[in-house]
Amino acid sequence: MKTTGPKKLETIKTIAALERHYRKTKQAIWLDIAERLKKPSRQRASINLWKLEKLCEIFDKKTLIVPGKILGFGEITKHVTVIALEYSADAKKKISEKGKALTILEALAGKHEPKNLVIVK
């Protein structure tokens, strides 16, 4: 059987950047995210905003990382910082009104402590 994986050039570049960042910083969370992104897109996380809202209550003042796509169903009422591979247009707009919506490549450029990051499945 033929192996599948990411076909989008942006996703492939993101995986390579995550692996480079892991080798440089030795923070295992970045390698974990790279491994999750190597899976076929059907097996990646697709998270709606209502689920992010519930997770914000549980993980207060943490940055949520979604190794997949964030969809726009639901509302965000709390301040949240979200890092994801992709966003739907509606989801990015709703998150940006209350907090920050970063791509994984933008997050690698910033300083994020692994203890403040939570991977969302």
PDB file of N, CA and C in Angstrom:
ATOM      1  N   MET A   1       0.824  -1.165   0.000  1.00  0.00           N
ATOM      2  CA  MET A   1       0.000   0.000   0.000  1.00  0.00           C
ATOM      3  C   MET A   1       0.879   1.243   0.000  1.00  0.00           C
ATOM      4  N   LYS A   2       0.489   2.211  -0.774  1.00  0.00           N
ATOM      5  CA  LYS A   2       1.252   3.441  -0.891  1.00  0.00           C
ATOM      6  C   LYS A   2       1.103   4.275   0.382  1.00  0.00           C
ATOM      7  N   THR A   3       2.231   4.797   0.887  1.00  0.00           N
ATOM      8  CA  THR A   3       2.162   5.643   2.071  1.00  0.00           C
ATOM      9  C   THR A   3       1.683   7.031   1.676  1.00  0.00           C
ATOM     10  N   THR A   4       0.931   7.632   2.577  1.00  0.00           N
ATOM     11  CA  THR A   4       0.430   8.975   2.314  1.00  0.00           C
ATOM     12  C   THR A   4       0.961   9.906   3.376  1.00  0.00           C
ATOM     13  N   GLY A   5       0.823  11.138   3.113  1.00  0.00           N
ATOM     14  CA  GLY A   5       1.284  12.158   4.042  1.00  0.00           C
ATOM     15  C   GLY A   5       0.930  13.510   3.481  1.00  0.00           C
ATOM     16  N   PRO A   6       1.517  14.545   3.991  1.00  0.00           N
ATOM     17  CA  PRO A   6       1.174  15.882   3.525  1.00  0.00           C
ATOM     18  C   PRO A   6       1.610  16.113   2.077  1.00  0.00           C
ATOM     19  N   LYS A   7       0.744  16.789   1.355  1.00  0.00           N
ATOM     20  CA  LYS A   7       1.056  17.109  -0.034  1.00  0.00           C
ATOM     21  C   LYS A   7       1.198  18.611  -0.247  1.00  0.00           C
ATOM     22  N   LYS A   8       0.651  19.405   0.650  1.00  0.00           N
ATOM     23  CA  LYS A   8       0.773  20.856   0.533  1.00  0.00           C
ATOM     24  C   LYS A   8       2.201  21.277   0.850  1.00  0.00           C
ATOM     25  N   LEU A   9       2.741  22.134   0.029  1.00  0.00           N
ATOM     26  CA  LEU A   9       4.113  22.605   0.206  1.00  0.00           C
ATOM     27  C   LEU A   9       4.272  23.337   1.534  1.00  0.00           C
ATOM     28  N   GLU A  10       3.272  24.113   1.926  1.00  0.00           N
ATOM     29  CA  GLU A  10       3.346  24.850   3.183  1.00  0.00           C
ATOM     30  C   GLU A  10       3.435  23.902   4.382  1.00  0.00           C
ATOM     31  N   THR A  11       2.699  22.802   4.333  1.00  0.00           N
ATOM     32  CA  THR A  11       2.735  21.823   5.423  1.00  0.00           C
ATOM     33  C   THR A  11       4.095  21.142   5.474  1.00  0.00           C
ATOM     34  N   ILE A  12       4.641  20.798   4.333  1.00  0.00           N
ATOM     35  CA  ILE A  12       5.963  20.159   4.279  1.00  0.00           C
ATOM     36  C   ILE A  12       7.032  21.098   4.834  1.00  0.00           C
ATOM     37  N   LYS A  13       6.948  22.396   4.491  1.00  0.00           N
ATOM     38  CA  LYS A  13       7.897  23.379   5.019  1.00  0.00           C
ATOM     39  C   LYS A  13       7.740  23.544   6.526  1.00  0.00           C
ATOM     40  N   THR A  14       6.505  23.495   7.006  1.00  0.00           N
ATOM     41  CA  THR A  14       6.255  23.620   8.439  1.00  0.00           C
ATOM     42  C   THR A  14       6.863  22.446   9.196  1.00  0.00           C
ATOM     43  N   ILE A  15       6.705  21.239   8.665  1.00  0.00           N
ATOM     44  CA  ILE A  15       7.284  20.051   9.302  1.00  0.00           C
ATOM     45  C   ILE A  15       8.804  20.160   9.369  1.00  0.00           C
ATOM     46  N   ALA A  16       9.415  20.587   8.279  1.00  0.00           N
ATOM     47  CA  ALA A  16      10.873  20.744   8.253  1.00  0.00           C
ATOM     48  C   ALA A  16      11.327  21.803   9.266  1.00  0.00           C
ATOM     49  N   ALA A  17      10.584  22.902   9.363  1.00  0.00           N
ATOM     50  CA  ALA A  17      10.935  23.957  10.322  1.00  0.00           C
ATOM     51  C   ALA A  17      10.790  23.461  11.759  1.00  0.00           C
ATOM     52  N   LEU A  18       9.748  22.669  12.023  1.00  0.00           N
ATOM     53  CA  LEU A  18       9.562  22.107  13.360  1.00  0.00           C
ATOM     54  C   LEU A  18      10.720  21.176  13.731  1.00  0.00           C
ATOM     55  N   GLU A  19      11.146  20.343  12.794  1.00  0.00           N
ATOM     56  CA  GLU A  19      12.251  19.426  13.065  1.00  0.00           C
ATOM     57  C   GLU A  19      13.558  20.181  13.292  1.00  0.00           C
ATOM     58  N   ARG A  20      13.795  21.244  12.523  1.00  0.00           N
ATOM     59  CA  ARG A  20      14.988  22.074  12.732  1.00  0.00           C
ATOM     60  C   ARG A  20      14.951  22.736  14.109  1.00  0.00           C
ATOM     61  N   HIS A  21      13.771  23.248  14.464  1.00  0.00           N
ATOM     62  CA  HIS A  21      13.626  23.916  15.755  1.00  0.00           C
ATOM     63  C   HIS A  21      13.843  22.925  16.904  1.00  0.00           C
ATOM     64  N   TYR A  22      13.383  21.702  16.735  1.00  0.00           N
ATOM     65  CA  TYR A  22      13.609  20.671  17.759  1.00  0.00           C
ATOM     66  C   TYR A  22      15.105  20.389  17.917  1.00  0.00           C
ATOM     67  N   ARG A  23      15.817  20.237  16.793  1.00  0.00           N
ATOM     68  CA  ARG A  23      17.256  19.947  16.866  1.00  0.00           C
ATOM     69  C   ARG A  23      18.011  21.097  17.535  1.00  0.00           C
ATOM     70  N   LYS A  24      17.535  22.308  17.323  1.00  0.00           N
ATOM     71  CA  LYS A  24      18.195  23.476  17.878  1.00  0.00           C
ATOM     72  C   LYS A  24      17.913  23.647  19.377  1.00  0.00           C
ATOM     73  N   THR A  25      16.664  23.438  19.793  1.00  0.00           N
ATOM     74  CA  THR A  25      16.268  23.717  21.170  1.00  0.00           C
ATOM     75  C   THR A  25      16.133  22.483  22.048  1.00  0.00           C
ATOM     76  N   LYS A  26      16.040  21.295  21.441  1.00  0.00           N
ATOM     77  CA  LYS A  26      15.848  20.036  22.168  1.00  0.00           C
ATOM     78  C   LYS A  26      14.546  20.025  22.982  1.00  0.00           C
ATOM     79  N   GLN A  27      13.530  20.756  22.516  1.00  0.00           N
ATOM     80  CA  GLN A  27      12.217  20.743  23.156  1.00  0.00           C
ATOM     81  C   GLN A  27      11.338  19.745  22.410  1.00  0.00           C
ATOM     82  N   ALA A  28      11.011  18.647  23.065  1.00  0.00           N
ATOM     83  CA  ALA A  28      10.347  17.510  22.423  1.00  0.00           C
ATOM     84  C   ALA A  28       8.949  17.834  21.894  1.00  0.00           C
ATOM     85  N   ILE A  29       8.318  18.874  22.401  1.00  0.00           N
ATOM     86  CA  ILE A  29       6.966  19.205  21.952  1.00  0.00           C
ATOM     87  C   ILE A  29       6.935  19.533  20.457  1.00  0.00           C
ATOM     88  N   TRP A  30       7.983  20.151  19.951  1.00  0.00           N
ATOM     89  CA  TRP A  30       8.018  20.528  18.528  1.00  0.00           C
ATOM     90  C   TRP A  30       8.160  19.291  17.647  1.00  0.00           C
ATOM     91  N   LEU A  31       8.914  18.299  18.083  1.00  0.00           N
ATOM     92  CA  LEU A  31       9.038  17.056  17.332  1.00  0.00           C
ATOM     93  C   LEU A  31       7.715  16.292  17.351  1.00  0.00           C
ATOM     94  N   ASP A  32       7.018  16.323  18.476  1.00  0.00           N
ATOM     95  CA  ASP A  32       5.712  15.678  18.593  1.00  0.00           C
ATOM     96  C   ASP A  32       4.719  16.286  17.601  1.00  0.00           C
ATOM     97  N   ILE A  33       4.712  17.592  17.502  1.00  0.00           N
ATOM     98  CA  ILE A  33       3.810  18.256  16.559  1.00  0.00           C
ATOM     99  C   ILE A  33       4.186  17.909  15.122  1.00  0.00           C
ATOM    100  N   ALA A  34       5.478  17.856  14.816  1.00  0.00           N
ATOM    101  CA  ALA A  34       5.924  17.487  13.468  1.00  0.00           C
ATOM    102  C   ALA A  34       5.450  16.083  13.108  1.00  0.00           C
ATOM    103  N   GLU A  35       5.563  15.155  14.055  1.00  0.00           N
ATOM    104  CA  GLU A  35       5.102  13.775  13.799  1.00  0.00           C
ATOM    105  C   GLU A  35       3.597  13.735  13.555  1.00  0.00           C
ATOM    106  N   ARG A  36       2.839  14.523  14.282  1.00  0.00           N
ATOM    107  CA  ARG A  36       1.387  14.564  14.075  1.00  0.00           C
ATOM    108  C   ARG A  36       1.026  15.161  12.727  1.00  0.00           C
ATOM    109  N   LEU A  37       1.818  16.113  12.254  1.00  0.00           N
ATOM    110  CA  LEU A  37       1.539  16.739  10.961  1.00  0.00           C
ATOM    111  C   LEU A  37       1.931  15.852   9.788  1.00  0.00           C
ATOM    112  N   LYS A  38       2.774  14.857  10.036  1.00  0.00           N
ATOM    113  CA  LYS A  38       3.180  13.946   8.963  1.00  0.00           C
ATOM    114  C   LYS A  38       2.069  12.970   8.582  1.00  0.00           C
ATOM    115  N   LYS A  39       1.060  12.855   9.406  1.00  0.00           N
ATOM    116  CA  LYS A  39      -0.048  11.955   9.117  1.00  0.00           C
ATOM    117  C   LYS A  39      -0.887  12.501   7.965  1.00  0.00           C
ATOM    118  N   PRO A  40      -1.679  11.644   7.322  1.00  0.00           N
ATOM    119  CA  PRO A  40      -2.594  12.137   6.284  1.00  0.00           C
ATOM    120  C   PRO A  40      -3.572  13.155   6.872  1.00  0.00           C
ATOM    121  N   SER A  41      -4.043  14.069   6.051  1.00  0.00           N
ATOM    122  CA  SER A  41      -4.898  15.155   6.538  1.00  0.00           C
ATOM    123  C   SER A  41      -6.198  14.636   7.156  1.00  0.00           C
ATOM    124  N   ARG A  42      -6.679  13.481   6.741  1.00  0.00           N
ATOM    125  CA  ARG A  42      -7.901  12.924   7.332  1.00  0.00           C
ATOM    126  C   ARG A  42      -7.691  12.504   8.778  1.00  0.00           C
ATOM    127  N   GLN A  43      -6.441  12.253   9.164  1.00  0.00           N
ATOM    128  CA  GLN A  43      -6.153  11.819  10.527  1.00  0.00           C
ATOM    129  C   GLN A  43      -5.700  12.964  11.423  1.00  0.00           C
ATOM    130  N   ARG A  44      -5.604  14.163  10.885  1.00  0.00           N
ATOM    131  CA  ARG A  44      -5.204  15.316  11.684  1.00  0.00           C
ATOM    132  C   ARG A  44      -6.397  15.882  12.433  1.00  0.00           C
ATOM    133  N   ALA A  45      -6.098  16.670  13.424  1.00  0.00           N
ATOM    134  CA  ALA A  45      -7.151  17.268  14.249  1.00  0.00           C
ATOM    135  C   ALA A  45      -7.909  18.338  13.470  1.00  0.00           C
ATOM    136  N   SER A  46      -9.223  18.344  13.627  1.00  0.00           N
ATOM    137  CA  SER A  46     -10.093  19.409  13.155  1.00  0.00           C
ATOM    138  C   SER A  46     -10.929  19.829  14.348  1.00  0.00           C
ATOM    139  N   ILE A  47     -10.676  21.014  14.852  1.00  0.00           N
ATOM    140  CA  ILE A  47     -11.271  21.459  16.105  1.00  0.00           C
ATOM    141  C   ILE A  47     -12.191  22.654  15.827  1.00  0.00           C
ATOM    142  N   ASN A  48     -13.392  22.598  16.393  1.00  0.00           N
ATOM    143  CA  ASN A  48     -14.313  23.728  16.306  1.00  0.00           C
ATOM    144  C   ASN A  48     -14.064  24.699  17.455  1.00  0.00           C
ATOM    145  N   LEU A  49     -14.544  25.936  17.276  1.00  0.00           N
ATOM    146  CA  LEU A  49     -14.318  26.964  18.283  1.00  0.00           C
ATOM    147  C   LEU A  49     -14.982  26.645  19.616  1.00  0.00           C
ATOM    148  N   TRP A  50     -16.122  25.986  19.586  1.00  0.00           N
ATOM    149  CA  TRP A  50     -16.796  25.672  20.852  1.00  0.00           C
ATOM    150  C   TRP A  50     -15.924  24.761  21.724  1.00  0.00           C
ATOM    151  N   LYS A  51     -15.159  23.859  21.090  1.00  0.00           N
ATOM    152  CA  LYS A  51     -14.275  22.988  21.854  1.00  0.00           C
ATOM    153  C   LYS A  51     -13.097  23.785  22.415  1.00  0.00           C
ATOM    154  N   LEU A  52     -12.574  24.734  21.632  1.00  0.00           N
ATOM    155  CA  LEU A  52     -11.498  25.594  22.129  1.00  0.00           C
ATOM    156  C   LEU A  52     -11.977  26.409  23.322  1.00  0.00           C
ATOM    157  N   GLU A  53     -13.229  26.862  23.272  1.00  0.00           N
ATOM    158  CA  GLU A  53     -13.799  27.621  24.382  1.00  0.00           C
ATOM    159  C   GLU A  53     -13.797  26.796  25.670  1.00  0.00           C
ATOM    160  N   LYS A  54     -14.192  25.531  25.570  1.00  0.00           N
ATOM    161  CA  LYS A  54     -14.194  24.655  26.745  1.00  0.00           C
ATOM    162  C   LYS A  54     -12.774  24.392  27.246  1.00  0.00           C
ATOM    163  N   LEU A  55     -11.843  24.224  26.317  1.00  0.00           N
ATOM    164  CA  LEU A  55     -10.453  23.981  26.712  1.00  0.00           C
ATOM    165  C   LEU A  55      -9.825  25.212  27.354  1.00  0.00           C
ATOM    166  N   CYS A  56     -10.277  26.402  26.965  1.00  0.00           N
ATOM    167  CA  CYS A  56      -9.780  27.636  27.581  1.00  0.00           C
ATOM    168  C   CYS A  56     -10.135  27.677  29.055  1.00  0.00           C
ATOM    169  N   GLU A  57     -11.309  27.150  29.409  1.00  0.00           N
ATOM    170  CA  GLU A  57     -11.717  27.112  30.810  1.00  0.00           C
ATOM    171  C   GLU A  57     -10.837  26.150  31.610  1.00  0.00           C
ATOM    172  N   ILE A  58     -10.475  25.035  31.001  1.00  0.00           N
ATOM    173  CA  ILE A  58      -9.663  24.029  31.686  1.00  0.00           C
ATOM    174  C   ILE A  58      -8.205  24.483  31.796  1.00  0.00           C
ATOM    175  N   PHE A  59      -7.649  24.945  30.675  1.00  0.00           N
ATOM    176  CA  PHE A  59      -6.242  25.346  30.615  1.00  0.00           C
ATOM    177  C   PHE A  59      -6.147  26.865  30.552  1.00  0.00           C
ATOM    178  N   ASP A  60      -6.433  27.501  31.659  1.00  0.00           N
ATOM    179  CA  ASP A  60      -6.412  28.958  31.727  1.00  0.00           C
ATOM    180  C   ASP A  60      -4.985  29.477  31.568  1.00  0.00           C
ATOM    181  N   LYS A  61      -4.824  30.513  30.778  1.00  0.00           N
ATOM    182  CA  LYS A  61      -3.530  31.176  30.543  1.00  0.00           C
ATOM    183  C   LYS A  61      -2.495  30.263  29.897  1.00  0.00           C
ATOM    184  N   LYS A  62      -2.939  29.285  29.141  1.00  0.00           N
ATOM    185  CA  LYS A  62      -2.039  28.410  28.380  1.00  0.00           C
ATOM    186  C   LYS A  62      -2.259  28.690  26.896  1.00  0.00           C
ATOM    187  N   THR A  63      -1.267  28.399  26.095  1.00  0.00           N
ATOM    188  CA  THR A  63      -1.384  28.518  24.647  1.00  0.00           C
ATOM    189  C   THR A  63      -1.778  27.162  24.091  1.00  0.00           C
ATOM    190  N   LEU A  64      -2.836  27.137  23.289  1.00  0.00           N
ATOM    191  CA  LEU A  64      -3.337  25.890  22.712  1.00  0.00           C
ATOM    192  C   LEU A  64      -2.727  25.683  21.334  1.00  0.00           C
ATOM    193  N   ILE A  65      -2.187  24.486  21.092  1.00  0.00           N
ATOM    194  CA  ILE A  65      -1.617  24.149  19.785  1.00  0.00           C
ATOM    195  C   ILE A  65      -2.500  23.088  19.148  1.00  0.00           C
ATOM    196  N   VAL A  66      -2.934  23.360  17.926  1.00  0.00           N
ATOM    197  CA  VAL A  66      -3.754  22.407  17.177  1.00  0.00           C
ATOM    198  C   VAL A  66      -2.946  21.952  15.969  1.00  0.00           C
ATOM    199  N   PRO A  67      -2.496  20.681  15.940  1.00  0.00           N
ATOM    200  CA  PRO A  67      -1.755  20.189  14.770  1.00  0.00           C
ATOM    201  C   PRO A  67      -2.739  19.789  13.670  1.00  0.00           C
ATOM    202  N   GLY A  68      -3.457  20.749  13.182  1.00  0.00           N
ATOM    203  CA  GLY A  68      -4.471  20.532  12.161  1.00  0.00           C
ATOM    204  C   GLY A  68      -5.175  21.840  11.865  1.00  0.00           C
ATOM    205  N   LYS A  69      -6.500  21.751  11.655  1.00  0.00           N
ATOM    206  CA  LYS A  69      -7.273  22.916  11.236  1.00  0.00           C
ATOM    207  C   LYS A  69      -8.285  23.313  12.297  1.00  0.00           C
ATOM    208  N   ILE A  70      -8.496  24.617  12.445  1.00  0.00           N
ATOM    209  CA  ILE A  70      -9.521  25.133  13.336  1.00  0.00           C
ATOM    210  C   ILE A  70     -10.692  25.597  12.478  1.00  0.00           C
ATOM    211  N   LEU A  71     -11.875  25.102  12.834  1.00  0.00           N
ATOM    212  CA  LEU A  71     -13.099  25.414  12.110  1.00  0.00           C
ATOM    213  C   LEU A  71     -13.907  26.443  12.881  1.00  0.00           C
ATOM    214  N   GLY A  72     -14.807  27.150  12.209  1.00  0.00           N
ATOM    215  CA  GLY A  72     -15.472  28.312  12.782  1.00  0.00           C
ATOM    216  C   GLY A  72     -16.780  28.080  13.498  1.00  0.00           C
ATOM    217  N   PHE A  73     -17.179  26.848  13.796  1.00  0.00           N
ATOM    218  CA  PHE A  73     -18.449  26.604  14.460  1.00  0.00           C
ATOM    219  C   PHE A  73     -18.327  26.890  15.950  1.00  0.00           C
ATOM    220  N   GLY A  74     -19.076  27.843  16.457  1.00  0.00           N
ATOM    221  CA  GLY A  74     -19.028  28.207  17.863  1.00  0.00           C
ATOM    222  C   GLY A  74     -18.542  29.632  18.035  1.00  0.00           C
ATOM    223  N   GLU A  75     -18.404  30.020  19.284  1.00  0.00           N
ATOM    224  CA  GLU A  75     -17.969  31.366  19.634  1.00  0.00           C
ATOM    225  C   GLU A  75     -16.826  31.296  20.639  1.00  0.00           C
ATOM    226  N   ILE A  76     -16.016  32.338  20.652  1.00  0.00           N
ATOM    227  CA  ILE A  76     -14.953  32.489  21.644  1.00  0.00           C
ATOM    228  C   ILE A  76     -15.302  33.720  22.487  1.00  0.00           C
ATOM    229  N   THR A  77     -15.382  33.529  23.795  1.00  0.00           N
ATOM    230  CA  THR A  77     -15.693  34.649  24.688  1.00  0.00           C
ATOM    231  C   THR A  77     -14.515  35.012  25.584  1.00  0.00           C
ATOM    232  N   LYS A  78     -13.526  34.162  25.679  1.00  0.00           N
ATOM    233  CA  LYS A  78     -12.374  34.402  26.535  1.00  0.00           C
ATOM    234  C   LYS A  78     -11.150  34.757  25.694  1.00  0.00           C
ATOM    235  N   HIS A  79     -10.197  35.427  26.350  1.00  0.00           N
ATOM    236  CA  HIS A  79      -8.933  35.728  25.684  1.00  0.00           C
ATOM    237  C   HIS A  79      -8.146  34.428  25.552  1.00  0.00           C
ATOM    238  N   VAL A  80      -7.721  34.112  24.344  1.00  0.00           N
ATOM    239  CA  VAL A  80      -7.029  32.855  24.088  1.00  0.00           C
ATOM    240  C   VAL A  80      -5.937  33.088  23.048  1.00  0.00           C
ATOM    241  N   THR A  81      -4.835  32.352  23.184  1.00  0.00           N
ATOM    242  CA  THR A  81      -3.788  32.323  22.161  1.00  0.00           C
ATOM    243  C   THR A  81      -3.790  30.921  21.574  1.00  0.00           C
ATOM    244  N   VAL A  82      -3.966  30.855  20.255  1.00  0.00           N
ATOM    245  CA  VAL A  82      -4.073  29.571  19.561  1.00  0.00           C
ATOM    246  C   VAL A  82      -3.018  29.507  18.473  1.00  0.00           C
ATOM    247  N   ILE A  83      -2.341  28.363  18.405  1.00  0.00           N
ATOM    248  CA  ILE A  83      -1.374  28.084  17.340  1.00  0.00           C
ATOM    249  C   ILE A  83      -1.922  26.902  16.563  1.00  0.00           C
ATOM    250  N   ALA A  84      -2.028  27.042  15.235  1.00  0.00           N
ATOM    251  CA  ALA A  84      -2.577  25.957  14.425  1.00  0.00           C
ATOM    252  C   ALA A  84      -1.916  25.935  13.050  1.00  0.00           C
ATOM    253  N   LEU A  85      -2.071  24.797  12.382  1.00  0.00           N
ATOM    254  CA  LEU A  85      -1.558  24.675  11.022  1.00  0.00           C
ATOM    255  C   LEU A  85      -2.379  25.523  10.068  1.00  0.00           C
ATOM    256  N   GLU A  86      -3.716  25.415  10.188  1.00  0.00           N
ATOM    257  CA  GLU A  86      -4.618  26.154   9.313  1.00  0.00           C
ATOM    258  C   GLU A  86      -5.822  26.649  10.102  1.00  0.00           C
ATOM    259  N   TYR A  87      -6.462  27.686   9.570  1.00  0.00           N
ATOM    260  CA  TYR A  87      -7.695  28.233  10.128  1.00  0.00           C
ATOM    261  C   TYR A  87      -8.695  28.410   9.006  1.00  0.00           C
ATOM    262  N   SER A  88      -9.975  28.212   9.305  1.00  0.00           N
ATOM    263  CA  SER A  88     -10.992  28.651   8.356  1.00  0.00           C
ATOM    264  C   SER A  88     -11.054  30.172   8.504  1.00  0.00           C
ATOM    265  N   ALA A  89     -11.561  30.848   7.500  1.00  0.00           N
ATOM    266  CA  ALA A  89     -11.602  32.316   7.531  1.00  0.00           C
ATOM    267  C   ALA A  89     -12.446  32.816   8.702  1.00  0.00           C
ATOM    268  N   ASP A  90     -13.570  32.166   8.954  1.00  0.00           N
ATOM    269  CA  ASP A  90     -14.452  32.565  10.033  1.00  0.00           C
ATOM    270  C   ASP A  90     -13.797  32.345  11.396  1.00  0.00           C
ATOM    271  N   ALA A  91     -13.107  31.234  11.551  1.00  0.00           N
ATOM    272  CA  ALA A  91     -12.447  30.930  12.826  1.00  0.00           C
ATOM    273  C   ALA A  91     -11.339  31.937  13.126  1.00  0.00           C
ATOM    274  N   LYS A  92     -10.546  32.275  12.141  1.00  0.00           N
ATOM    275  CA  LYS A  92      -9.448  33.228  12.345  1.00  0.00           C
ATOM    276  C   LYS A  92      -9.995  34.593  12.759  1.00  0.00           C
ATOM    277  N   LYS A  93     -11.086  34.993  12.136  1.00  0.00           N
ATOM    278  CA  LYS A  93     -11.705  36.285  12.455  1.00  0.00           C
ATOM    279  C   LYS A  93     -12.223  36.288  13.890  1.00  0.00           C
ATOM    280  N   LYS A  94     -12.924  35.230  14.296  1.00  0.00           N
ATOM    281  CA  LYS A  94     -13.492  35.158  15.639  1.00  0.00           C
ATOM    282  C   LYS A  94     -12.410  35.088  16.709  1.00  0.00           C
ATOM    283  N   ILE A  95     -11.353  34.349  16.467  1.00  0.00           N
ATOM    284  CA  ILE A  95     -10.270  34.247  17.449  1.00  0.00           C
ATOM    285  C   ILE A  95      -9.524  35.573  17.558  1.00  0.00           C
ATOM    286  N   SER A  96      -9.284  36.226  16.428  1.00  0.00           N
ATOM    287  CA  SER A  96      -8.538  37.487  16.426  1.00  0.00           C
ATOM    288  C   SER A  96      -9.264  38.591  17.174  1.00  0.00           C
ATOM    289  N   GLU A  97     -10.599  38.525  17.253  1.00  0.00           N
ATOM    290  CA  GLU A  97     -11.358  39.532  17.988  1.00  0.00           C
ATOM    291  C   GLU A  97     -11.085  39.448  19.490  1.00  0.00           C
ATOM    292  N   LYS A  98     -10.881  38.254  20.020  1.00  0.00           N
ATOM    293  CA  LYS A  98     -10.699  38.064  21.459  1.00  0.00           C
ATOM    294  C   LYS A  98      -9.266  37.737  21.870  1.00  0.00           C
ATOM    295  N   GLY A  99      -8.447  37.252  20.964  1.00  0.00           N
ATOM    296  CA  GLY A  99      -7.098  36.836  21.341  1.00  0.00           C
ATOM    297  C   GLY A  99      -6.162  36.845  20.153  1.00  0.00           C
ATOM    298  N   LYS A 100      -5.291  35.842  20.100  1.00  0.00           N
ATOM    299  CA  LYS A 100      -4.302  35.736  19.020  1.00  0.00           C
ATOM    300  C   LYS A 100      -4.483  34.422  18.283  1.00  0.00           C
ATOM    301  N   ALA A 101      -4.395  34.484  16.963  1.00  0.00           N
ATOM    302  CA  ALA A 101      -4.437  33.295  16.115  1.00  0.00           C
ATOM    303  C   ALA A 101      -3.128  33.256  15.324  1.00  0.00           C
ATOM    304  N   LEU A 102      -2.231  32.344  15.690  1.00  0.00           N
ATOM    305  CA  LEU A 102      -0.922  32.234  15.060  1.00  0.00           C
ATOM    306  C   LEU A 102      -0.813  30.942  14.268  1.00  0.00           C
ATOM    307  N   THR A 103      -0.050  30.990  13.180  1.00  0.00           N
ATOM    308  CA  THR A 103       0.283  29.752  12.490  1.00  0.00           C
ATOM    309  C   THR A 103       1.489  29.140  13.215  1.00  0.00           C
ATOM    310  N   ILE A 104       1.785  27.899  12.904  1.00  0.00           N
ATOM    311  CA  ILE A 104       2.903  27.224  13.568  1.00  0.00           C
ATOM    312  C   ILE A 104       4.228  27.906  13.224  1.00  0.00           C
ATOM    313  N   LEU A 105       4.383  28.336  11.986  1.00  0.00           N
ATOM    314  CA  LEU A 105       5.623  29.017  11.595  1.00  0.00           C
ATOM    315  C   LEU A 105       5.785  30.345  12.332  1.00  0.00           C
ATOM    316  N   GLU A 106       4.694  31.074  12.532  1.00  0.00           N
ATOM    317  CA  GLU A 106       4.764  32.323  13.292  1.00  0.00           C
ATOM    318  C   GLU A 106       5.129  32.041  14.747  1.00  0.00           C
ATOM    319  N   ALA A 107       4.621  30.943  15.287  1.00  0.00           N
ATOM    320  CA  ALA A 107       4.907  30.586  16.679  1.00  0.00           C
ATOM    321  C   ALA A 107       6.371  30.209  16.873  1.00  0.00           C
ATOM    322  N   LEU A 108       6.972  29.579  15.878  1.00  0.00           N
ATOM    323  CA  LEU A 108       8.381  29.198  15.997  1.00  0.00           C
ATOM    324  C   LEU A 108       9.279  30.429  16.061  1.00  0.00           C
ATOM    325  N   ALA A 109       8.865  31.511  15.428  1.00  0.00           N
ATOM    326  CA  ALA A 109       9.646  32.738  15.452  1.00  0.00           C
ATOM    327  C   ALA A 109       9.577  33.408  16.826  1.00  0.00           C
ATOM    328  N   GLY A 110       8.478  33.199  17.552  1.00  0.00           N
ATOM    329  CA  GLY A 110       8.313  33.787  18.883  1.00  0.00           C
ATOM    330  C   GLY A 110       8.929  32.917  19.958  1.00  0.00           C
ATOM    331  N   LYS A 111       8.867  33.408  21.163  1.00  0.00           N
ATOM    332  CA  LYS A 111       9.394  32.673  22.317  1.00  0.00           C
ATOM    333  C   LYS A 111       8.222  32.072  23.080  1.00  0.00           C
ATOM    334  N   HIS A 112       8.048  30.760  22.958  1.00  0.00           N
ATOM    335  CA  HIS A 112       6.991  30.054  23.667  1.00  0.00           C
ATOM    336  C   HIS A 112       7.622  28.989  24.556  1.00  0.00           C
ATOM    337  N   GLU A 113       7.316  29.056  25.834  1.00  0.00           N
ATOM    338  CA  GLU A 113       7.812  28.077  26.788  1.00  0.00           C
ATOM    339  C   GLU A 113       7.005  26.787  26.665  1.00  0.00           C
ATOM    340  N   PRO A 114       7.644  25.630  26.576  1.00  0.00           N
ATOM    341  CA  PRO A 114       6.911  24.355  26.470  1.00  0.00           C
ATOM    342  C   PRO A 114       5.943  24.100  27.630  1.00  0.00           C
ATOM    343  N   LYS A 115       6.241  24.624  28.803  1.00  0.00           N
ATOM    344  CA  LYS A 115       5.348  24.395  29.937  1.00  0.00           C
ATOM    345  C   LYS A 115       4.039  25.172  29.804  1.00  0.00           C
ATOM    346  N   ASN A 116       3.995  26.151  28.933  1.00  0.00           N
ATOM    347  CA  ASN A 116       2.769  26.942  28.726  1.00  0.00           C
ATOM    348  C   ASN A 116       2.006  26.499  27.489  1.00  0.00           C
ATOM    349  N   LEU A 117       2.406  25.405  26.844  1.00  0.00           N
ATOM    350  CA  LEU A 117       1.772  24.934  25.625  1.00  0.00           C
ATOM    351  C   LEU A 117       0.960  23.672  25.905  1.00  0.00           C
ATOM    352  N   VAL A 118      -0.208  23.569  25.261  1.00  0.00           N
ATOM    353  CA  VAL A 118      -1.066  22.398  25.387  1.00  0.00           C
ATOM    354  C   VAL A 118      -1.444  21.948  23.985  1.00  0.00           C
ATOM    355  N   ILE A 119      -1.168  20.678  23.656  1.00  0.00           N
ATOM    356  CA  ILE A 119      -1.517  20.140  22.347  1.00  0.00           C
ATOM    357  C   ILE A 119      -2.964  19.659  22.397  1.00  0.00           C
ATOM    358  N   VAL A 120      -3.766  20.131  21.449  1.00  0.00           N
ATOM    359  CA  VAL A 120      -5.186  19.776  21.373  1.00  0.00           C
ATOM    360  C   VAL A 120      -5.372  18.734  20.296  1.00  0.00           C
ATOM    361  N   LYS A 121      -6.080  17.651  20.647  1.00  0.00           N
ATOM    362  CA  LYS A 121      -6.342  16.590  19.675  1.00  0.00           C
ATOM    363  C   LYS A 121      -7.720  16.724  19.103  1.00  0.00           C
TER     364      LYS A 121
END
